[in-house]
Amino acid sequence: QGEELGLPEAVNLPDEARQDPTFFRTNGEKYG
């Protein structure tokens, strides 16, 4: 979904908005 619109990755999400467990289990080393 959204690729038909040409959507890029949302790169500049603030850390406080992130929800992927990968971000928290790696202490922010991976954005997820």
Full PDB file with SEQRES, HELIX, SHEET, SSBOND, CRYST1, ORIGX, SCALE, CONECT and MASTER records, all heavy atoms in Angstrom:
SEQRES   1 A   32  GLN GLY GLU GLU LEU GLY LEU PRO GLU ALA VAL ASN LEU          
SEQRES   2 A   32  PRO ASP GLU ALA ARG GLN ASP PRO THR PHE PHE ARG THR          
SEQRES   3 A   32  ASN GLY GLU LYS TYR GLY                                      
HELIX    1 AA1 GLU A    3  LEU A    5  5                                   3    
HELIX    2 AA2 ASP A   15  ALA A   17  5                                   3    
HELIX    3 AA3 PRO A   21  ARG A   25  1                                   5    
CRYST1    1.000    1.000    1.000  90.00  90.00  90.00 P 1           1          
ORIGX1      1.000000  0.000000  0.000000        0.00000                         
ORIGX2      0.000000  1.000000  0.000000        0.00000                         
ORIGX3      0.000000  0.000000  1.000000        0.00000                         
SCALE1      1.000000  0.000000  0.000000        0.00000                         
SCALE2      0.000000  1.000000  0.000000        0.00000                         
SCALE3      0.000000  0.000000  1.000000        0.00000                         
ATOM      1  N   GLN A   1       0.820  -1.209   0.000  1.00  0.00           N  
ATOM      2  CA  GLN A   1       0.000   0.000   0.000  1.00  0.00           C  
ATOM      3  C   GLN A   1       0.857   1.264   0.000  1.00  0.00           C  
ATOM      4  O   GLN A   1       1.826   1.395   0.737  1.00  0.00           O  
ATOM      5  CB  GLN A   1      -0.929   0.005   1.209  1.00  0.00           C  
ATOM      6  CG  GLN A   1      -0.228   0.103   2.563  1.00  0.00           C  
ATOM      7  CD  GLN A   1      -1.216   0.150   3.717  1.00  0.00           C  
ATOM      8  OE1 GLN A   1      -2.233  -0.528   3.728  1.00  0.00           O  
ATOM      9  NE2 GLN A   1      -0.920   0.973   4.711  1.00  0.00           N  
ATOM     10  N   GLY A   2       0.486   2.191  -0.878  1.00  0.00           N  
ATOM     11  CA  GLY A   2       1.186   3.465  -0.979  1.00  0.00           C  
ATOM     12  C   GLY A   2       2.283   3.493  -2.017  1.00  0.00           C  
ATOM     13  O   GLY A   2       2.699   4.582  -2.435  1.00  0.00           O  
ATOM     14  N   GLU A   3       2.774   2.315  -2.439  1.00  0.00           N  
ATOM     15  CA  GLU A   3       3.834   2.365  -3.450  1.00  0.00           C  
ATOM     16  C   GLU A   3       3.302   2.880  -4.772  1.00  0.00           C  
ATOM     17  O   GLU A   3       4.034   3.480  -5.557  1.00  0.00           O  
ATOM     18  CB  GLU A   3       4.516   1.010  -3.620  1.00  0.00           C  
ATOM     19  CG  GLU A   3       3.719  -0.070  -4.301  1.00  0.00           C  
ATOM     20  CD  GLU A   3       4.576  -1.286  -4.653  1.00  0.00           C  
ATOM     21  OE1 GLU A   3       4.869  -2.100  -3.763  1.00  0.00           O  
ATOM     22  OE2 GLU A   3       4.938  -1.400  -5.837  1.00  0.00           O  
ATOM     23  N   GLU A   4       1.978   2.676  -5.023  1.00  0.00           N  
ATOM     24  CA  GLU A   4       1.388   3.202  -6.248  1.00  0.00           C  
ATOM     25  C   GLU A   4       1.312   4.727  -6.237  1.00  0.00           C  
ATOM     26  O   GLU A   4       1.046   5.345  -7.276  1.00  0.00           O  
ATOM     27  CB  GLU A   4      -0.008   2.603  -6.469  1.00  0.00           C  
ATOM     28  CG  GLU A   4      -1.099   3.158  -5.570  1.00  0.00           C  
ATOM     29  CD  GLU A   4      -1.186   2.521  -4.195  1.00  0.00           C  
ATOM     30  OE1 GLU A   4      -0.190   1.890  -3.744  1.00  0.00           O  
ATOM     31  OE2 GLU A   4      -2.244   2.644  -3.556  1.00  0.00           O  
ATOM     32  N   LEU A   5       1.562   5.336  -5.082  1.00  0.00           N  
ATOM     33  CA  LEU A   5       1.636   6.790  -4.967  1.00  0.00           C  
ATOM     34  C   LEU A   5       3.087   7.292  -5.022  1.00  0.00           C  
ATOM     35  O   LEU A   5       3.316   8.499  -5.000  1.00  0.00           O  
ATOM     36  CB  LEU A   5       0.987   7.248  -3.656  1.00  0.00           C  
ATOM     37  CG  LEU A   5      -0.447   6.762  -3.405  1.00  0.00           C  
ATOM     38  CD1 LEU A   5      -0.922   7.210  -2.026  1.00  0.00           C  
ATOM     39  CD2 LEU A   5      -1.379   7.260  -4.498  1.00  0.00           C  
ATOM     40  N   GLY A   6       4.027   6.356  -5.060  1.00  0.00           N  
ATOM     41  CA  GLY A   6       5.441   6.733  -5.034  1.00  0.00           C  
ATOM     42  C   GLY A   6       5.934   7.086  -3.643  1.00  0.00           C  
ATOM     43  O   GLY A   6       6.961   7.774  -3.508  1.00  0.00           O  
ATOM     44  N   LEU A   7       5.246   6.612  -2.591  1.00  0.00           N  
ATOM     45  CA  LEU A   7       5.630   7.004  -1.230  1.00  0.00           C  
ATOM     46  C   LEU A   7       7.047   6.557  -0.909  1.00  0.00           C  
ATOM     47  O   LEU A   7       7.416   5.404  -1.119  1.00  0.00           O  
ATOM     48  CB  LEU A   7       4.682   6.392  -0.205  1.00  0.00           C  
ATOM     49  CG  LEU A   7       3.256   6.940  -0.124  1.00  0.00           C  
ATOM     50  CD1 LEU A   7       2.533   6.298   1.048  1.00  0.00           C  
ATOM     51  CD2 LEU A   7       3.249   8.456   0.009  1.00  0.00           C  
ATOM     52  N   PRO A   8       7.855   7.460  -0.347  1.00  0.00           N  
ATOM     53  CA  PRO A   8       9.176   7.083   0.162  1.00  0.00           C  
ATOM     54  C   PRO A   8       9.054   6.618   1.608  1.00  0.00           C  
ATOM     55  O   PRO A   8       7.981   6.700   2.231  1.00  0.00           O  
ATOM     56  CB  PRO A   8       9.955   8.392   0.077  1.00  0.00           C  
ATOM     57  CG  PRO A   8       8.904   9.440   0.370  1.00  0.00           C  
ATOM     58  CD  PRO A   8       7.621   8.906  -0.250  1.00  0.00           C  
ATOM     59  N   GLU A   9      10.130   6.139   2.158  1.00  0.00           N  
ATOM     60  CA  GLU A   9      10.207   5.863   3.588  1.00  0.00           C  
ATOM     61  C   GLU A   9      10.077   7.191   4.346  1.00  0.00           C  
ATOM     62  O   GLU A   9      10.612   8.229   3.927  1.00  0.00           O  
ATOM     63  CB  GLU A   9      11.555   5.224   3.923  1.00  0.00           C  
ATOM     64  CG  GLU A   9      11.681   4.675   5.310  1.00  0.00           C  
ATOM     65  CD  GLU A   9      11.144   3.264   5.432  1.00  0.00           C  
ATOM     66  OE1 GLU A   9      10.503   2.768   4.473  1.00  0.00           O  
ATOM     67  OE2 GLU A   9      11.365   2.650   6.484  1.00  0.00           O  
ATOM     68  N   ALA A  10       9.345   7.153   5.468  1.00  0.00           N  
ATOM     69  CA  ALA A  10       9.281   8.329   6.350  1.00  0.00           C  
ATOM     70  C   ALA A  10      10.530   8.302   7.231  1.00  0.00           C  
ATOM     71  O   ALA A  10      10.559   7.660   8.289  1.00  0.00           O  
ATOM     72  CB  ALA A  10       8.010   8.309   7.179  1.00  0.00           C  
ATOM     73  N   VAL A  11      11.567   8.980   6.779  1.00  0.00           N  
ATOM     74  CA  VAL A  11      12.882   8.875   7.410  1.00  0.00           C  
ATOM     75  C   VAL A  11      12.965   9.669   8.700  1.00  0.00           C  
ATOM     76  O   VAL A  11      13.622   9.249   9.662  1.00  0.00           O  
ATOM     77  CB  VAL A  11      13.970   9.357   6.414  1.00  0.00           C  
ATOM     78  CG1 VAL A  11      15.328   9.463   7.100  1.00  0.00           C  
ATOM     79  CG2 VAL A  11      14.053   8.404   5.228  1.00  0.00           C  
ATOM     80  N   ASN A  12      12.273  10.801   8.766  1.00  0.00           N  
ATOM     81  CA  ASN A  12      12.496  11.737   9.868  1.00  0.00           C  
ATOM     82  C   ASN A  12      11.472  11.630  10.987  1.00  0.00           C  
ATOM     83  O   ASN A  12      11.117  12.638  11.624  1.00  0.00           O  
ATOM     84  CB  ASN A  12      12.531  13.168   9.320  1.00  0.00           C  
ATOM     85  CG  ASN A  12      13.740  13.399   8.435  1.00  0.00           C  
ATOM     86  OD1 ASN A  12      14.866  13.120   8.844  1.00  0.00           O  
ATOM     87  ND2 ASN A  12      13.514  13.877   7.218  1.00  0.00           N  
ATOM     88  N   LEU A  13      10.993  10.428  11.272  1.00  0.00           N  
ATOM     89  CA  LEU A  13      10.099  10.250  12.416  1.00  0.00           C  
ATOM     90  C   LEU A  13      10.862  10.551  13.707  1.00  0.00           C  
ATOM     91  O   LEU A  13      11.989  10.087  13.894  1.00  0.00           O  
ATOM     92  CB  LEU A  13       9.585   8.812  12.473  1.00  0.00           C  
ATOM     93  CG  LEU A  13       8.641   8.351  11.364  1.00  0.00           C  
ATOM     94  CD1 LEU A  13       8.333   6.864  11.528  1.00  0.00           C  
ATOM     95  CD2 LEU A  13       7.353   9.154  11.389  1.00  0.00           C  
ATOM     96  N   PRO A  14      10.263  11.297  14.630  1.00  0.00           N  
ATOM     97  CA  PRO A  14      10.947  11.548  15.909  1.00  0.00           C  
ATOM     98  C   PRO A  14      11.028  10.265  16.733  1.00  0.00           C  
ATOM     99  O   PRO A  14      10.138   9.411  16.672  1.00  0.00           O  
ATOM    100  CB  PRO A  14      10.063  12.601  16.584  1.00  0.00           C  
ATOM    101  CG  PRO A  14       8.728  12.466  15.941  1.00  0.00           C  
ATOM    102  CD  PRO A  14       8.970  12.008  14.531  1.00  0.00           C  
ATOM    103  N   ASP A  15      12.071  10.136  17.513  1.00  0.00           N  
ATOM    104  CA  ASP A  15      12.253   8.922  18.315  1.00  0.00           C  
ATOM    105  C   ASP A  15      11.057   8.661  19.227  1.00  0.00           C  
ATOM    106  O   ASP A  15      10.661   7.503  19.426  1.00  0.00           O  
ATOM    107  CB  ASP A  15      13.518   9.033  19.161  1.00  0.00           C  
ATOM    108  CG  ASP A  15      14.790   8.922  18.322  1.00  0.00           C  
ATOM    109  OD1 ASP A  15      14.675   8.647  17.109  1.00  0.00           O  
ATOM    110  OD2 ASP A  15      15.877   9.111  18.886  1.00  0.00           O  
ATOM    111  N   GLU A  16      10.482   9.717  19.773  1.00  0.00           N  
ATOM    112  CA  GLU A  16       9.383   9.532  20.720  1.00  0.00           C  
ATOM    113  C   GLU A  16       8.117   9.006  20.056  1.00  0.00           C  
ATOM    114  O   GLU A  16       7.193   8.535  20.739  1.00  0.00           O  
ATOM    115  CB  GLU A  16       9.076  10.832  21.460  1.00  0.00           C  
ATOM    116  CG  GLU A  16       8.677  12.006  20.579  1.00  0.00           C  
ATOM    117  CD  GLU A  16       9.861  12.843  20.119  1.00  0.00           C  
ATOM    118  OE1 GLU A  16      11.015  12.329  20.169  1.00  0.00           O  
ATOM    119  OE2 GLU A  16       9.638  14.000  19.718  1.00  0.00           O  
ATOM    120  N   ALA A  17       8.055   9.075  18.730  1.00  0.00           N  
ATOM    121  CA  ALA A  17       6.877   8.569  18.023  1.00  0.00           C  
ATOM    122  C   ALA A  17       7.025   7.115  17.604  1.00  0.00           C  
ATOM    123  O   ALA A  17       6.046   6.474  17.223  1.00  0.00           O  
ATOM    124  CB  ALA A  17       6.603   9.425  16.790  1.00  0.00           C  
ATOM    125  N   ARG A  18       8.228   6.584  17.655  1.00  0.00           N  
ATOM    126  CA  ARG A  18       8.465   5.242  17.137  1.00  0.00           C  
ATOM    127  C   ARG A  18       7.803   4.174  18.003  1.00  0.00           C  
ATOM    128  O   ARG A  18       7.725   4.323  19.223  1.00  0.00           O  
ATOM    129  CB  ARG A  18       9.967   4.983  16.995  1.00  0.00           C  
ATOM    130  CG  ARG A  18      10.595   5.890  15.942  1.00  0.00           C  
ATOM    131  CD  ARG A  18      12.046   5.557  15.651  1.00  0.00           C  
ATOM    132  NE  ARG A  18      12.554   6.459  14.623  1.00  0.00           N  
ATOM    133  CZ  ARG A  18      12.412   6.275  13.325  1.00  0.00           C  
ATOM    134  NH1 ARG A  18      11.804   5.194  12.882  1.00  0.00           N  
ATOM    135  NH2 ARG A  18      12.888   7.163  12.464  1.00  0.00           N  
ATOM    136  N   GLN A  19       7.367   3.083  17.350  1.00  0.00           N  
ATOM    137  CA  GLN A  19       6.660   2.025  18.059  1.00  0.00           C  
ATOM    138  C   GLN A  19       7.193   0.627  17.770  1.00  0.00           C  
ATOM    139  O   GLN A  19       6.813  -0.324  18.436  1.00  0.00           O  
ATOM    140  CB  GLN A  19       5.165   2.083  17.711  1.00  0.00           C  
ATOM    141  CG  GLN A  19       4.521   3.409  18.095  1.00  0.00           C  
ATOM    142  CD  GLN A  19       3.011   3.345  18.108  1.00  0.00           C  
ATOM    143  OE1 GLN A  19       2.413   2.301  18.319  1.00  0.00           O  
ATOM    144  NE2 GLN A  19       2.377   4.486  17.884  1.00  0.00           N  
ATOM    145  N   ASP A  20       8.058   0.475  16.789  1.00  0.00           N  
ATOM    146  CA  ASP A  20       8.580  -0.847  16.451  1.00  0.00           C  
ATOM    147  C   ASP A  20       9.416  -1.382  17.616  1.00  0.00           C  
ATOM    148  O   ASP A  20      10.332  -0.711  18.092  1.00  0.00           O  
ATOM    149  CB  ASP A  20       9.438  -0.750  15.189  1.00  0.00           C  
ATOM    150  CG  ASP A  20       9.847  -2.111  14.631  1.00  0.00           C  
ATOM    151  OD1 ASP A  20       9.775  -3.116  15.363  1.00  0.00           O  
ATOM    152  OD2 ASP A  20      10.227  -2.167  13.443  1.00  0.00           O  
ATOM    153  N   PRO A  21       9.134  -2.623  18.090  1.00  0.00           N  
ATOM    154  CA  PRO A  21       9.950  -3.177  19.173  1.00  0.00           C  
ATOM    155  C   PRO A  21      11.437  -3.251  18.850  1.00  0.00           C  
ATOM    156  O   PRO A  21      12.271  -3.224  19.764  1.00  0.00           O  
ATOM    157  CB  PRO A  21       9.367  -4.577  19.396  1.00  0.00           C  
ATOM    158  CG  PRO A  21       8.263  -4.768  18.449  1.00  0.00           C  
ATOM    159  CD  PRO A  21       8.020  -3.503  17.713  1.00  0.00           C  
ATOM    160  N   THR A  22      11.780  -3.331  17.567  1.00  0.00           N  
ATOM    161  CA  THR A  22      13.194  -3.370  17.184  1.00  0.00           C  
ATOM    162  C   THR A  22      13.927  -2.137  17.703  1.00  0.00           C  
ATOM    163  O   THR A  22      15.068  -2.227  18.185  1.00  0.00           O  
ATOM    164  CB  THR A  22      13.332  -3.445  15.652  1.00  0.00           C  
ATOM    165  OG1 THR A  22      12.684  -4.613  15.174  1.00  0.00           O  
ATOM    166  CG2 THR A  22      14.786  -3.458  15.228  1.00  0.00           C  
ATOM    167  N   PHE A  23      13.290  -0.970  17.619  1.00  0.00           N  
ATOM    168  CA  PHE A  23      13.923   0.276  18.047  1.00  0.00           C  
ATOM    169  C   PHE A  23      14.252   0.229  19.537  1.00  0.00           C  
ATOM    170  O   PHE A  23      15.333   0.648  19.962  1.00  0.00           O  
ATOM    171  CB  PHE A  23      12.996   1.451  17.742  1.00  0.00           C  
ATOM    172  CG  PHE A  23      13.543   2.798  18.130  1.00  0.00           C  
ATOM    173  CD1 PHE A  23      14.536   3.401  17.374  1.00  0.00           C  
ATOM    174  CD2 PHE A  23      13.069   3.460  19.251  1.00  0.00           C  
ATOM    175  CE1 PHE A  23      15.047   4.646  17.733  1.00  0.00           C  
ATOM    176  CE2 PHE A  23      13.568   4.697  19.618  1.00  0.00           C  
ATOM    177  CZ  PHE A  23      14.568   5.297  18.859  1.00  0.00           C  
ATOM    178  N   PHE A  24      13.342  -0.315  20.323  1.00  0.00           N  
ATOM    179  CA  PHE A  24      13.527  -0.320  21.774  1.00  0.00           C  
ATOM    180  C   PHE A  24      14.442  -1.454  22.225  1.00  0.00           C  
ATOM    181  O   PHE A  24      15.262  -1.270  23.129  1.00  0.00           O  
ATOM    182  CB  PHE A  24      12.164  -0.416  22.453  1.00  0.00           C  
ATOM    183  CG  PHE A  24      11.251   0.720  22.081  1.00  0.00           C  
ATOM    184  CD1 PHE A  24      10.229   0.524  21.167  1.00  0.00           C  
ATOM    185  CD2 PHE A  24      11.442   1.990  22.608  1.00  0.00           C  
ATOM    186  CE1 PHE A  24       9.400   1.576  20.799  1.00  0.00           C  
ATOM    187  CE2 PHE A  24      10.623   3.042  22.241  1.00  0.00           C  
ATOM    188  CZ  PHE A  24       9.606   2.837  21.336  1.00  0.00           C  
ATOM    189  N   ARG A  25      14.354  -2.628  21.589  1.00  0.00           N  
ATOM    190  CA  ARG A  25      15.182  -3.757  22.009  1.00  0.00           C  
ATOM    191  C   ARG A  25      16.638  -3.581  21.602  1.00  0.00           C  
ATOM    192  O   ARG A  25      17.520  -4.262  22.127  1.00  0.00           O  
ATOM    193  CB  ARG A  25      14.620  -5.067  21.461  1.00  0.00           C  
ATOM    194  CG  ARG A  25      13.316  -5.494  22.132  1.00  0.00           C  
ATOM    195  CD  ARG A  25      12.821  -6.830  21.585  1.00  0.00           C  
ATOM    196  NE  ARG A  25      13.745  -7.918  21.865  1.00  0.00           N  
ATOM    197  CZ  ARG A  25      13.727  -8.667  22.958  1.00  0.00           C  
ATOM    198  NH1 ARG A  25      12.817  -8.435  23.904  1.00  0.00           N  
ATOM    199  NH2 ARG A  25      14.587  -9.649  23.121  1.00  0.00           N  
ATOM    200  N   THR A  26      16.903  -2.679  20.642  1.00  0.00           N  
ATOM    201  CA  THR A  26      18.291  -2.382  20.256  1.00  0.00           C  
ATOM    202  C   THR A  26      18.753  -1.032  20.802  1.00  0.00           C  
ATOM    203  O   THR A  26      19.787  -0.519  20.380  1.00  0.00           O  
ATOM    204  CB  THR A  26      18.453  -2.387  18.724  1.00  0.00           C  
ATOM    205  OG1 THR A  26      17.640  -1.351  18.158  1.00  0.00           O  
ATOM    206  CG2 THR A  26      18.056  -3.736  18.137  1.00  0.00           C  
ATOM    207  N   ASN A  27      17.970  -0.455  21.714  1.00  0.00           N  
ATOM    208  CA  ASN A  27      18.305   0.845  22.298  1.00  0.00           C  
ATOM    209  C   ASN A  27      18.545   1.911  21.233  1.00  0.00           C  
ATOM    210  O   ASN A  27      19.437   2.757  21.351  1.00  0.00           O  
ATOM    211  CB  ASN A  27      19.546   0.726  23.201  1.00  0.00           C  
ATOM    212  CG  ASN A  27      19.302  -0.157  24.403  1.00  0.00           C  
ATOM    213  OD1 ASN A  27      18.273  -0.045  25.067  1.00  0.00           O  
ATOM    214  ND2 ASN A  27      20.228  -1.058  24.670  1.00  0.00           N  
ATOM    215  N   GLY A  28      17.734   1.841  20.181  1.00  0.00           N  
ATOM    216  CA  GLY A  28      17.793   2.843  19.141  1.00  0.00           C  
ATOM    217  C   GLY A  28      18.879   2.632  18.107  1.00  0.00           C  
ATOM    218  O   GLY A  28      19.014   3.452  17.178  1.00  0.00           O  
ATOM    219  N   GLU A  29      19.649   1.549  18.209  1.00  0.00           N  
ATOM    220  CA  GLU A  29      20.686   1.289  17.209  1.00  0.00           C  
ATOM    221  C   GLU A  29      20.068   0.969  15.852  1.00  0.00           C  
ATOM    222  O   GLU A  29      20.658   1.257  14.804  1.00  0.00           O  
ATOM    223  CB  GLU A  29      21.582   0.141  17.660  1.00  0.00           C  
ATOM    224  CG  GLU A  29      22.474   0.493  18.847  1.00  0.00           C  
ATOM    225  CD  GLU A  29      23.375  -0.659  19.236  1.00  0.00           C  
ATOM    226  OE1 GLU A  29      23.460  -1.636  18.447  1.00  0.00           O  
ATOM    227  OE2 GLU A  29      23.994  -0.595  20.308  1.00  0.00           O  
ATOM    228  N   LYS A  30      18.884   0.350  15.859  1.00  0.00           N  
ATOM    229  CA  LYS A  30      18.139   0.096  14.626  1.00  0.00           C  
ATOM    230  C   LYS A  30      16.844   0.897  14.693  1.00  0.00           C  
ATOM    231  O   LYS A  30      16.134   0.856  15.702  1.00  0.00           O  
ATOM    232  CB  LYS A  30      17.833  -1.394  14.455  1.00  0.00           C  
ATOM    233  CG  LYS A  30      19.050  -2.271  14.268  1.00  0.00           C  
ATOM    234  CD  LYS A  30      18.641  -3.727  14.068  1.00  0.00           C  
ATOM    235  CE  LYS A  30      19.844  -4.620  13.827  1.00  0.00           C  
ATOM    236  NZ  LYS A  30      19.445  -6.048  13.622  1.00  0.00           N  
ATOM    237  N   TYR A  31      16.519   1.591  13.608  1.00  0.00           N  
ATOM    238  CA  TYR A  31      15.281   2.358  13.576  1.00  0.00           C  
ATOM    239  C   TYR A  31      14.063   1.460  13.393  1.00  0.00           C  
ATOM    240  O   TYR A  31      12.950   1.808  13.797  1.00  0.00           O  
ATOM    241  CB  TYR A  31      15.331   3.397  12.450  1.00  0.00           C  
ATOM    242  CG  TYR A  31      16.191   4.594  12.793  1.00  0.00           C  
ATOM    243  CD1 TYR A  31      17.472   4.725  12.270  1.00  0.00           C  
ATOM    244  CD2 TYR A  31      15.722   5.586  13.645  1.00  0.00           C  
ATOM    245  CE1 TYR A  31      18.269   5.818  12.575  1.00  0.00           C  
ATOM    246  CE2 TYR A  31      16.509   6.692  13.964  1.00  0.00           C  
ATOM    247  CZ  TYR A  31      17.777   6.798  13.422  1.00  0.00           C  
ATOM    248  OH  TYR A  31      18.554   7.886  13.740  1.00  0.00           O  
ATOM    249  N   GLY A  32      14.255   0.294  12.774  1.00  0.00           N  
ATOM    250  CA  GLY A  32      13.135  -0.613  12.595  1.00  0.00           C  
ATOM    251  C   GLY A  32      12.244  -0.229  11.424  1.00  0.00           C  
ATOM    252  O   GLY A  32      12.662   0.439  10.480  1.00  0.00           O  
TER     253      GLY A  32                                                      
MASTER        0    0    0    3    0    0    0    6  252    1    0    3          
END                                                                             
